[in-house]
Amino acid sequence: MSIHFLLGGARSGKSSYAEALAFAQWQKQGGTLHYIATATPFDDEMRHRIEMHQERRGCEWSNHECPRKLSDKLTEFSSQDIVLIDCLTLWLNNVIYNDGDTATPEMIEQEVKTLASALSVCPAKVYCVSNEVGLGIIPLGEVTRLYVDHAGWMNQAVAKVAQEVTFMAAGLPMVLKNKQ
């Protein structure tokens, strides 16, 4: 079991860097290379983004669409698997969106705790991609602030259970944690 958590801003290079790391690990270790996509194509622009990500990957990847039940999906992997999750902030968006007006801070916190627990016991080598959304201005609107707050707390929870944490800026990786 090993978790490498990669986070950064939009277009920071985190997804392509995580893909390269996972692919290199697969070439070294063998096993099965899995890509867990959490995006939901709500509109044409998002469909285009998803297509760009898919085109960048080769046929070596086993793809899984998992917009919501991520913790359950993590139970399916073995120590021979290499798993890339892209991305946790889209997953969190789906959690909040799916529960709509009934989404409470306590419910979101429980979802994040369940995810962190599932990651910490998953026997696979897991690469998790997430956006760092807390570097900007304070957003307007209650639900947006709910999302930003919980994205920050989710990133902290995943970073805590990860053995490696890398922050991406301008395509450059900065190691924040390395307990290998």
N, C-alpha and C. Protein backbone atom coordinates (compact mmCIF):
# COMPACT_ATOMS: atom_id res chain seq x y z
N MET A 1 0.84 -1.18 0.00
CA MET A 1 0.00 0.00 0.00
C MET A 1 0.88 1.24 0.00
N SER A 2 0.59 2.11 -0.92
CA SER A 2 1.33 3.36 -1.00
C SER A 2 0.47 4.39 -1.71
N ILE A 3 0.41 5.58 -1.14
CA ILE A 3 -0.39 6.67 -1.71
C ILE A 3 0.52 7.82 -2.06
N HIS A 4 0.42 8.28 -3.31
CA HIS A 4 1.11 9.49 -3.74
C HIS A 4 0.02 10.50 -4.09
N PHE A 5 -0.03 11.59 -3.34
CA PHE A 5 -1.05 12.62 -3.48
C PHE A 5 -0.45 13.78 -4.24
N LEU A 6 -1.09 14.17 -5.35
CA LEU A 6 -0.61 15.26 -6.19
C LEU A 6 -1.68 16.33 -6.26
N LEU A 7 -1.31 17.55 -5.88
CA LEU A 7 -2.27 18.62 -5.94
C LEU A 7 -1.66 19.87 -6.50
N GLY A 8 -2.52 20.74 -6.98
CA GLY A 8 -2.09 22.00 -7.57
C GLY A 8 -3.29 22.71 -8.15
N GLY A 9 -3.05 23.85 -8.76
CA GLY A 9 -4.12 24.63 -9.36
C GLY A 9 -4.52 24.09 -10.72
N ALA A 10 -5.49 24.75 -11.32
CA ALA A 10 -5.94 24.38 -12.66
C ALA A 10 -4.79 24.54 -13.64
N ARG A 11 -4.63 23.56 -14.50
CA ARG A 11 -3.60 23.55 -15.54
C ARG A 11 -2.18 23.66 -14.98
N SER A 12 -1.98 23.10 -13.81
CA SER A 12 -0.65 23.11 -13.19
C SER A 12 0.21 21.95 -13.65
N GLY A 13 -0.38 20.98 -14.36
CA GLY A 13 0.36 19.82 -14.83
C GLY A 13 0.20 18.59 -13.95
N LYS A 14 -0.69 18.65 -12.98
CA LYS A 14 -0.79 17.55 -12.01
C LYS A 14 -1.28 16.25 -12.63
N SER A 15 -2.26 16.31 -13.53
CA SER A 15 -2.79 15.07 -14.13
C SER A 15 -1.75 14.39 -15.01
N SER A 16 -1.12 15.15 -15.89
CA SER A 16 -0.14 14.52 -16.79
C SER A 16 1.07 14.01 -16.01
N TYR A 17 1.46 14.72 -14.96
CA TYR A 17 2.58 14.26 -14.13
C TYR A 17 2.20 12.96 -13.39
N ALA A 18 0.99 12.93 -12.84
CA ALA A 18 0.52 11.72 -12.14
C ALA A 18 0.44 10.55 -13.11
N GLU A 19 -0.05 10.79 -14.32
CA GLU A 19 -0.11 9.74 -15.33
C GLU A 19 1.28 9.20 -15.65
N ALA A 20 2.24 10.10 -15.80
CA ALA A 20 3.61 9.68 -16.11
C ALA A 20 4.20 8.86 -14.96
N LEU A 21 3.97 9.28 -13.72
CA LEU A 21 4.47 8.53 -12.57
C LEU A 21 3.84 7.14 -12.50
N ALA A 22 2.53 7.07 -12.67
CA ALA A 22 1.83 5.79 -12.60
C ALA A 22 2.29 4.87 -13.74
N PHE A 23 2.45 5.42 -14.92
CA PHE A 23 2.88 4.63 -16.07
C PHE A 23 4.30 4.09 -15.84
N ALA A 24 5.19 4.93 -15.32
CA ALA A 24 6.56 4.49 -15.03
C ALA A 24 6.57 3.39 -13.97
N GLN A 25 5.72 3.52 -12.96
CA GLN A 25 5.61 2.49 -11.93
C GLN A 25 5.11 1.18 -12.53
N TRP A 26 4.15 1.28 -13.42
CA TRP A 26 3.61 0.09 -14.11
C TRP A 26 4.68 -0.59 -14.95
N GLN A 27 5.48 0.21 -15.67
CA GLN A 27 6.55 -0.37 -16.49
C GLN A 27 7.58 -1.09 -15.61
N LYS A 28 7.82 -0.56 -14.44
CA LYS A 28 8.79 -1.14 -13.51
C LYS A 28 8.23 -2.37 -12.79
N GLN A 29 6.99 -2.28 -12.36
CA GLN A 29 6.39 -3.29 -11.48
C GLN A 29 5.55 -4.32 -12.23
N GLY A 30 4.94 -3.91 -13.33
CA GLY A 30 3.96 -4.77 -13.98
C GLY A 30 2.63 -4.65 -13.29
N GLY A 31 1.79 -5.65 -13.44
CA GLY A 31 0.46 -5.61 -12.84
C GLY A 31 -0.52 -4.96 -13.79
N THR A 32 -1.53 -4.33 -13.22
CA THR A 32 -2.57 -3.69 -14.03
C THR A 32 -2.61 -2.21 -13.71
N LEU A 33 -2.72 -1.41 -14.74
CA LEU A 33 -2.74 0.05 -14.64
C LEU A 33 -4.20 0.51 -14.75
N HIS A 34 -4.70 1.14 -13.69
CA HIS A 34 -6.11 1.56 -13.63
C HIS A 34 -6.21 3.08 -13.58
N TYR A 35 -7.20 3.61 -14.26
CA TYR A 35 -7.50 5.04 -14.23
C TYR A 35 -8.94 5.19 -13.74
N ILE A 36 -9.10 5.83 -12.59
CA ILE A 36 -10.44 6.10 -12.06
C ILE A 36 -10.78 7.55 -12.37
N ALA A 37 -11.76 7.74 -13.23
CA ALA A 37 -12.21 9.08 -13.62
C ALA A 37 -13.44 9.43 -12.79
N THR A 38 -13.39 10.60 -12.17
CA THR A 38 -14.51 11.02 -11.32
C THR A 38 -15.38 12.09 -11.99
N ALA A 39 -14.95 12.59 -13.15
CA ALA A 39 -15.67 13.68 -13.81
C ALA A 39 -17.02 13.20 -14.34
N THR A 40 -17.98 14.10 -14.29
CA THR A 40 -19.29 13.88 -14.88
C THR A 40 -19.45 14.89 -16.00
N PRO A 41 -19.72 14.42 -17.22
CA PRO A 41 -19.83 15.35 -18.35
C PRO A 41 -21.16 16.12 -18.35
N PHE A 42 -21.19 17.22 -17.61
CA PHE A 42 -22.41 18.01 -17.49
C PHE A 42 -22.70 18.83 -18.75
N ASP A 43 -21.65 19.17 -19.50
CA ASP A 43 -21.84 20.02 -20.68
C ASP A 43 -20.78 19.69 -21.73
N ASP A 44 -20.85 20.34 -22.88
CA ASP A 44 -19.92 20.06 -23.99
C ASP A 44 -18.47 20.36 -23.62
N GLU A 45 -18.25 21.43 -22.88
CA GLU A 45 -16.88 21.79 -22.50
C GLU A 45 -16.27 20.71 -21.62
N MET A 46 -17.05 20.18 -20.67
CA MET A 46 -16.54 19.12 -19.80
C MET A 46 -16.33 17.84 -20.59
N ARG A 47 -17.21 17.54 -21.53
CA ARG A 47 -17.00 16.37 -22.39
C ARG A 47 -15.68 16.49 -23.16
N HIS A 48 -15.40 17.68 -23.64
CA HIS A 48 -14.14 17.92 -24.36
C HIS A 48 -12.94 17.71 -23.44
N ARG A 49 -13.00 18.20 -22.24
CA ARG A 49 -11.90 17.99 -21.27
C ARG A 49 -11.68 16.50 -21.01
N ILE A 50 -12.77 15.77 -20.84
CA ILE A 50 -12.68 14.33 -20.60
C ILE A 50 -12.04 13.64 -21.80
N GLU A 51 -12.46 14.01 -23.01
CA GLU A 51 -11.89 13.43 -24.23
C GLU A 51 -10.39 13.70 -24.32
N MET A 52 -9.96 14.92 -23.96
CA MET A 52 -8.53 15.26 -23.99
C MET A 52 -7.74 14.35 -23.05
N HIS A 53 -8.27 14.12 -21.87
CA HIS A 53 -7.60 13.23 -20.90
C HIS A 53 -7.55 11.81 -21.44
N GLN A 54 -8.63 11.34 -22.03
CA GLN A 54 -8.67 9.98 -22.56
C GLN A 54 -7.69 9.80 -23.71
N GLU A 55 -7.59 10.78 -24.60
CA GLU A 55 -6.68 10.71 -25.74
C GLU A 55 -5.22 10.67 -25.29
N ARG A 56 -4.93 11.31 -24.18
CA ARG A 56 -3.56 11.37 -23.69
C ARG A 56 -3.08 10.01 -23.18
N ARG A 57 -4.00 9.18 -22.73
CA ARG A 57 -3.65 7.87 -22.20
C ARG A 57 -3.67 6.83 -23.30
N GLY A 58 -2.86 5.82 -23.16
CA GLY A 58 -2.83 4.73 -24.12
C GLY A 58 -3.75 3.60 -23.73
N CYS A 59 -3.69 2.54 -24.51
CA CYS A 59 -4.56 1.39 -24.30
C CYS A 59 -4.11 0.54 -23.11
N GLU A 60 -2.99 0.88 -22.49
CA GLU A 60 -2.49 0.13 -21.32
C GLU A 60 -3.37 0.35 -20.09
N TRP A 61 -4.15 1.41 -20.10
CA TRP A 61 -4.97 1.77 -18.95
C TRP A 61 -6.31 1.05 -18.97
N SER A 62 -6.71 0.54 -17.81
CA SER A 62 -8.06 0.02 -17.61
C SER A 62 -8.85 1.16 -16.98
N ASN A 63 -9.86 1.64 -17.70
CA ASN A 63 -10.59 2.83 -17.27
C ASN A 63 -11.83 2.48 -16.45
N HIS A 64 -12.07 3.28 -15.41
CA HIS A 64 -13.22 3.12 -14.53
C HIS A 64 -13.88 4.48 -14.37
N GLU A 65 -15.16 4.57 -14.67
CA GLU A 65 -15.91 5.80 -14.42
C GLU A 65 -16.50 5.67 -13.02
N CYS A 66 -16.11 6.57 -12.14
CA CYS A 66 -16.55 6.46 -10.75
C CYS A 66 -16.80 7.86 -10.18
N PRO A 67 -17.91 8.48 -10.57
CA PRO A 67 -18.16 9.84 -10.10
C PRO A 67 -18.54 9.95 -8.63
N ARG A 68 -18.94 8.83 -7.99
CA ARG A 68 -19.47 8.98 -6.63
C ARG A 68 -18.98 7.92 -5.64
N LYS A 69 -19.00 6.66 -5.96
CA LYS A 69 -18.72 5.57 -5.00
C LYS A 69 -17.23 5.20 -4.99
N LEU A 70 -16.39 6.19 -4.78
CA LEU A 70 -14.95 6.01 -4.85
C LEU A 70 -14.42 5.08 -3.75
N SER A 71 -14.91 5.22 -2.55
CA SER A 71 -14.45 4.36 -1.44
C SER A 71 -14.75 2.90 -1.73
N ASP A 72 -15.91 2.62 -2.28
CA ASP A 72 -16.26 1.25 -2.65
C ASP A 72 -15.35 0.72 -3.75
N LYS A 73 -15.05 1.55 -4.73
CA LYS A 73 -14.20 1.14 -5.85
C LYS A 73 -12.81 0.76 -5.37
N LEU A 74 -12.29 1.45 -4.37
CA LEU A 74 -10.93 1.18 -3.88
C LEU A 74 -10.79 -0.21 -3.26
N THR A 75 -11.90 -0.82 -2.87
CA THR A 75 -11.84 -2.17 -2.29
C THR A 75 -11.59 -3.24 -3.34
N GLU A 76 -11.68 -2.90 -4.61
CA GLU A 76 -11.55 -3.87 -5.70
C GLU A 76 -10.12 -4.15 -6.13
N PHE A 77 -9.15 -3.41 -5.62
CA PHE A 77 -7.79 -3.50 -6.13
C PHE A 77 -6.88 -4.33 -5.23
N SER A 78 -5.83 -4.88 -5.85
CA SER A 78 -4.86 -5.71 -5.12
C SER A 78 -3.50 -5.02 -5.11
N SER A 79 -2.55 -5.66 -4.48
CA SER A 79 -1.19 -5.10 -4.41
C SER A 79 -0.50 -5.12 -5.77
N GLN A 80 -1.06 -5.81 -6.74
CA GLN A 80 -0.49 -5.83 -8.09
C GLN A 80 -1.01 -4.69 -8.96
N ASP A 81 -1.91 -3.91 -8.42
CA ASP A 81 -2.54 -2.84 -9.19
C ASP A 81 -1.88 -1.49 -8.94
N ILE A 82 -1.89 -0.68 -9.99
CA ILE A 82 -1.48 0.72 -9.91
C ILE A 82 -2.71 1.52 -10.31
N VAL A 83 -3.12 2.43 -9.43
CA VAL A 83 -4.39 3.13 -9.58
C VAL A 83 -4.14 4.63 -9.58
N LEU A 84 -4.70 5.31 -10.58
CA LEU A 84 -4.67 6.77 -10.61
C LEU A 84 -6.11 7.26 -10.48
N ILE A 85 -6.34 8.13 -9.51
CA ILE A 85 -7.66 8.75 -9.32
C ILE A 85 -7.57 10.20 -9.76
N ASP A 86 -8.38 10.57 -10.73
CA ASP A 86 -8.37 11.94 -11.24
C ASP A 86 -9.80 12.41 -11.40
N CYS A 87 -10.32 13.26 -10.57
CA CYS A 87 -9.63 13.89 -9.46
C CYS A 87 -10.55 13.94 -8.25
N LEU A 88 -9.95 14.13 -7.09
CA LEU A 88 -10.71 14.12 -5.84
C LEU A 88 -11.64 15.32 -5.69
N THR A 89 -11.24 16.47 -6.21
CA THR A 89 -12.12 17.64 -6.07
C THR A 89 -13.36 17.51 -6.94
N LEU A 90 -13.24 16.84 -8.09
CA LEU A 90 -14.45 16.57 -8.88
C LEU A 90 -15.34 15.57 -8.15
N TRP A 91 -14.71 14.57 -7.52
CA TRP A 91 -15.48 13.62 -6.71
C TRP A 91 -16.24 14.35 -5.60
N LEU A 92 -15.56 15.27 -4.90
CA LEU A 92 -16.20 16.03 -3.83
C LEU A 92 -17.35 16.88 -4.39
N ASN A 93 -17.14 17.47 -5.55
CA ASN A 93 -18.21 18.22 -6.19
C ASN A 93 -19.42 17.32 -6.43
N ASN A 94 -19.18 16.09 -6.88
CA ASN A 94 -20.28 15.16 -7.12
C ASN A 94 -21.00 14.80 -5.82
N VAL A 95 -20.25 14.64 -4.75
CA VAL A 95 -20.85 14.35 -3.44
C VAL A 95 -21.82 15.47 -3.06
N ILE A 96 -21.34 16.70 -3.16
CA ILE A 96 -22.18 17.84 -2.77
C ILE A 96 -23.34 18.01 -3.75
N TYR A 97 -23.06 17.93 -5.04
CA TYR A 97 -24.09 18.11 -6.07
C TYR A 97 -25.18 17.05 -5.95
N ASN A 98 -24.80 15.79 -5.79
CA ASN A 98 -25.78 14.71 -5.74
C ASN A 98 -26.71 14.84 -4.54
N ASP A 99 -26.19 15.37 -3.44
CA ASP A 99 -27.04 15.52 -2.25
C ASP A 99 -27.75 16.87 -2.22
N GLY A 100 -27.38 17.77 -3.11
CA GLY A 100 -28.08 19.05 -3.27
C GLY A 100 -28.24 19.81 -1.98
N ASP A 101 -29.43 20.31 -1.78
CA ASP A 101 -29.72 21.13 -0.60
C ASP A 101 -29.65 20.34 0.71
N THR A 102 -29.64 19.00 0.61
CA THR A 102 -29.57 18.19 1.83
C THR A 102 -28.12 17.93 2.25
N ALA A 103 -27.15 18.39 1.45
CA ALA A 103 -25.74 18.21 1.80
C ALA A 103 -25.42 19.02 3.05
N THR A 104 -24.93 18.34 4.07
CA THR A 104 -24.56 19.02 5.31
C THR A 104 -23.06 18.89 5.51
N PRO A 105 -22.46 19.79 6.27
CA PRO A 105 -21.04 19.64 6.57
C PRO A 105 -20.71 18.29 7.20
N GLU A 106 -21.58 17.79 8.05
CA GLU A 106 -21.33 16.51 8.71
C GLU A 106 -21.33 15.35 7.72
N MET A 107 -22.26 15.38 6.77
CA MET A 107 -22.34 14.34 5.75
C MET A 107 -21.09 14.37 4.87
N ILE A 108 -20.67 15.56 4.46
CA ILE A 108 -19.49 15.69 3.62
C ILE A 108 -18.25 15.22 4.38
N GLU A 109 -18.14 15.63 5.63
CA GLU A 109 -17.01 15.20 6.47
C GLU A 109 -16.95 13.69 6.59
N GLN A 110 -18.10 13.04 6.74
CA GLN A 110 -18.13 11.58 6.83
C GLN A 110 -17.68 10.93 5.52
N GLU A 111 -18.11 11.48 4.40
CA GLU A 111 -17.68 10.96 3.09
C GLU A 111 -16.16 11.05 2.95
N VAL A 112 -15.59 12.16 3.37
CA VAL A 112 -14.14 12.35 3.28
C VAL A 112 -13.42 11.40 4.22
N LYS A 113 -13.93 11.22 5.44
CA LYS A 113 -13.33 10.26 6.37
C LYS A 113 -13.36 8.84 5.80
N THR A 114 -14.47 8.48 5.19
CA THR A 114 -14.60 7.16 4.57
C THR A 114 -13.59 7.00 3.44
N LEU A 115 -13.43 8.04 2.64
CA LEU A 115 -12.45 7.99 1.55
C LEU A 115 -11.03 7.85 2.09
N ALA A 116 -10.66 8.66 3.07
CA ALA A 116 -9.31 8.59 3.64
C ALA A 116 -9.05 7.21 4.24
N SER A 117 -10.03 6.65 4.88
CA SER A 117 -9.89 5.30 5.45
C SER A 117 -9.72 4.26 4.34
N ALA A 118 -10.52 4.35 3.28
CA ALA A 118 -10.41 3.41 2.16
C ALA A 118 -9.05 3.52 1.50
N LEU A 119 -8.55 4.74 1.34
CA LEU A 119 -7.21 4.92 0.75
C LEU A 119 -6.15 4.29 1.64
N SER A 120 -6.28 4.46 2.94
CA SER A 120 -5.23 4.00 3.86
C SER A 120 -5.13 2.48 3.92
N VAL A 121 -6.17 1.75 3.51
CA VAL A 121 -6.12 0.29 3.53
C VAL A 121 -6.08 -0.33 2.14
N CYS A 122 -6.16 0.47 1.11
CA CYS A 122 -6.11 -0.05 -0.26
C CYS A 122 -4.72 -0.62 -0.51
N PRO A 123 -4.61 -1.87 -0.93
CA PRO A 123 -3.30 -2.50 -1.11
C PRO A 123 -2.55 -2.05 -2.36
N ALA A 124 -3.21 -1.35 -3.26
CA ALA A 124 -2.60 -0.92 -4.52
C ALA A 124 -1.68 0.28 -4.30
N LYS A 125 -0.84 0.54 -5.29
CA LYS A 125 -0.11 1.80 -5.36
C LYS A 125 -1.10 2.80 -5.96
N VAL A 126 -1.46 3.85 -5.20
CA VAL A 126 -2.50 4.78 -5.61
C VAL A 126 -1.91 6.18 -5.79
N TYR A 127 -2.23 6.77 -6.92
CA TYR A 127 -1.89 8.16 -7.21
C TYR A 127 -3.20 8.94 -7.20
N CYS A 128 -3.30 9.93 -6.32
CA CYS A 128 -4.52 10.74 -6.19
C CYS A 128 -4.24 12.15 -6.67
N VAL A 129 -5.06 12.65 -7.57
CA VAL A 129 -4.95 14.02 -8.08
C VAL A 129 -6.06 14.85 -7.47
N SER A 130 -5.72 16.08 -7.05
CA SER A 130 -6.71 16.98 -6.48
C SER A 130 -6.34 18.41 -6.78
N ASN A 131 -7.33 19.27 -6.85
CA ASN A 131 -7.09 20.70 -7.04
C ASN A 131 -6.89 21.37 -5.69
N GLU A 132 -5.94 22.28 -5.65
CA GLU A 132 -5.78 23.14 -4.48
C GLU A 132 -6.61 24.38 -4.75
N VAL A 133 -7.78 24.45 -4.13
CA VAL A 133 -8.70 25.54 -4.42
C VAL A 133 -8.62 26.66 -3.38
N GLY A 134 -7.82 26.49 -2.36
CA GLY A 134 -7.78 27.46 -1.28
C GLY A 134 -6.78 28.58 -1.44
N LEU A 135 -6.17 28.72 -2.60
CA LEU A 135 -5.17 29.77 -2.80
C LEU A 135 -5.77 31.05 -3.37
N GLY A 136 -7.06 31.03 -3.68
CA GLY A 136 -7.70 32.19 -4.31
C GLY A 136 -8.48 33.02 -3.32
N ILE A 137 -9.37 33.81 -3.87
CA ILE A 137 -10.19 34.69 -3.04
C ILE A 137 -11.30 33.88 -2.37
N ILE A 138 -11.89 34.44 -1.34
CA ILE A 138 -13.02 33.80 -0.66
C ILE A 138 -14.22 33.86 -1.61
N PRO A 139 -14.80 32.71 -1.95
CA PRO A 139 -15.89 32.70 -2.94
C PRO A 139 -17.19 33.25 -2.37
N LEU A 140 -18.01 33.79 -3.27
CA LEU A 140 -19.35 34.23 -2.90
C LEU A 140 -20.27 33.01 -2.89
N GLY A 141 -21.23 33.02 -2.05
CA GLY A 141 -22.25 31.97 -2.03
C GLY A 141 -21.94 30.87 -1.04
N GLU A 142 -22.97 30.46 -0.34
CA GLU A 142 -22.83 29.48 0.73
C GLU A 142 -22.34 28.13 0.24
N VAL A 143 -22.94 27.63 -0.86
CA VAL A 143 -22.56 26.30 -1.33
C VAL A 143 -21.12 26.31 -1.88
N THR A 144 -20.70 27.40 -2.47
CA THR A 144 -19.32 27.50 -2.98
C THR A 144 -18.33 27.52 -1.83
N ARG A 145 -18.66 28.25 -0.77
CA ARG A 145 -17.78 28.26 0.41
C ARG A 145 -17.76 26.88 1.07
N LEU A 146 -18.90 26.20 1.10
CA LEU A 146 -18.98 24.83 1.63
C LEU A 146 -18.02 23.93 0.85
N TYR A 147 -18.04 24.04 -0.47
CA TYR A 147 -17.18 23.24 -1.33
C TYR A 147 -15.70 23.56 -1.08
N VAL A 148 -15.33 24.82 -1.09
CA VAL A 148 -13.94 25.22 -0.91
C VAL A 148 -13.42 24.78 0.46
N ASP A 149 -14.22 25.00 1.50
CA ASP A 149 -13.81 24.58 2.85
C ASP A 149 -13.56 23.07 2.89
N HIS A 150 -14.50 22.31 2.37
CA HIS A 150 -14.38 20.85 2.45
C HIS A 150 -13.32 20.30 1.50
N ALA A 151 -13.07 20.99 0.39
CA ALA A 151 -11.97 20.57 -0.48
C ALA A 151 -10.64 20.74 0.26
N GLY A 152 -10.49 21.82 0.98
CA GLY A 152 -9.26 22.02 1.77
C GLY A 152 -9.11 20.97 2.85
N TRP A 153 -10.19 20.68 3.56
CA TRP A 153 -10.13 19.66 4.61
C TRP A 153 -9.92 18.27 4.02
N MET A 154 -10.52 18.00 2.85
CA MET A 154 -10.30 16.72 2.18
C MET A 154 -8.82 16.58 1.80
N ASN A 155 -8.26 17.62 1.22
CA ASN A 155 -6.84 17.57 0.83
C ASN A 155 -5.96 17.32 2.06
N GLN A 156 -6.28 17.93 3.18
CA GLN A 156 -5.51 17.69 4.40
C GLN A 156 -5.63 16.24 4.86
N ALA A 157 -6.84 15.68 4.77
CA ALA A 157 -7.07 14.30 5.21
C ALA A 157 -6.31 13.32 4.33
N VAL A 158 -6.32 13.54 3.01
CA VAL A 158 -5.61 12.64 2.10
C VAL A 158 -4.10 12.81 2.27
N ALA A 159 -3.64 14.04 2.42
CA ALA A 159 -2.20 14.27 2.63
C ALA A 159 -1.71 13.58 3.90
N LYS A 160 -2.56 13.52 4.90
CA LYS A 160 -2.18 12.88 6.17
C LYS A 160 -1.94 11.39 5.99
N VAL A 161 -2.75 10.70 5.17
CA VAL A 161 -2.59 9.25 5.00
C VAL A 161 -1.61 8.90 3.87
N ALA A 162 -1.25 9.89 3.05
CA ALA A 162 -0.34 9.64 1.93
C ALA A 162 1.11 9.55 2.40
N GLN A 163 1.87 8.69 1.73
CA GLN A 163 3.30 8.60 2.00
C GLN A 163 4.07 9.68 1.24
N GLU A 164 3.52 10.08 0.10
CA GLU A 164 4.15 11.12 -0.72
C GLU A 164 3.11 12.17 -1.07
N VAL A 165 3.51 13.44 -1.02
CA VAL A 165 2.65 14.54 -1.43
C VAL A 165 3.49 15.46 -2.31
N THR A 166 2.97 15.75 -3.49
CA THR A 166 3.65 16.63 -4.44
C THR A 166 2.71 17.75 -4.82
N PHE A 167 3.21 18.98 -4.75
CA PHE A 167 2.46 20.15 -5.18
C PHE A 167 2.97 20.55 -6.56
N MET A 168 2.05 20.75 -7.49
CA MET A 168 2.41 21.13 -8.86
C MET A 168 2.11 22.60 -9.10
N ALA A 169 3.09 23.30 -9.69
CA ALA A 169 2.90 24.69 -10.10
C ALA A 169 3.67 24.88 -11.40
N ALA A 170 3.01 25.41 -12.41
CA ALA A 170 3.64 25.68 -13.71
C ALA A 170 4.34 24.44 -14.28
N GLY A 171 3.74 23.28 -14.04
CA GLY A 171 4.30 22.03 -14.56
C GLY A 171 5.48 21.50 -13.79
N LEU A 172 5.80 22.13 -12.68
CA LEU A 172 6.96 21.74 -11.89
C LEU A 172 6.51 21.09 -10.58
N PRO A 173 7.05 19.91 -10.28
CA PRO A 173 6.68 19.24 -9.02
C PRO A 173 7.51 19.74 -7.85
N MET A 174 6.85 19.99 -6.74
CA MET A 174 7.51 20.37 -5.50
C MET A 174 7.12 19.33 -4.44
N VAL A 175 8.08 18.60 -3.91
CA VAL A 175 7.81 17.57 -2.94
C VAL A 175 7.50 18.23 -1.59
N LEU A 176 6.32 17.91 -1.06
CA LEU A 176 5.92 18.41 0.25
C LEU A 176 6.11 17.35 1.33
N LYS A 177 6.03 16.08 0.93
CA LYS A 177 6.14 14.98 1.89
C LYS A 177 6.68 13.78 1.15
N ASN A 178 7.64 13.09 1.76
CA ASN A 178 8.19 11.87 1.17
C ASN A 178 8.61 10.94 2.29
N LYS A 179 7.73 9.98 2.60
CA LYS A 179 8.00 9.00 3.66
C LYS A 179 8.16 7.62 3.04
N GLN A 180 8.92 7.52 1.98
CA GLN A 180 9.14 6.23 1.31
C GLN A 180 10.18 5.43 2.04
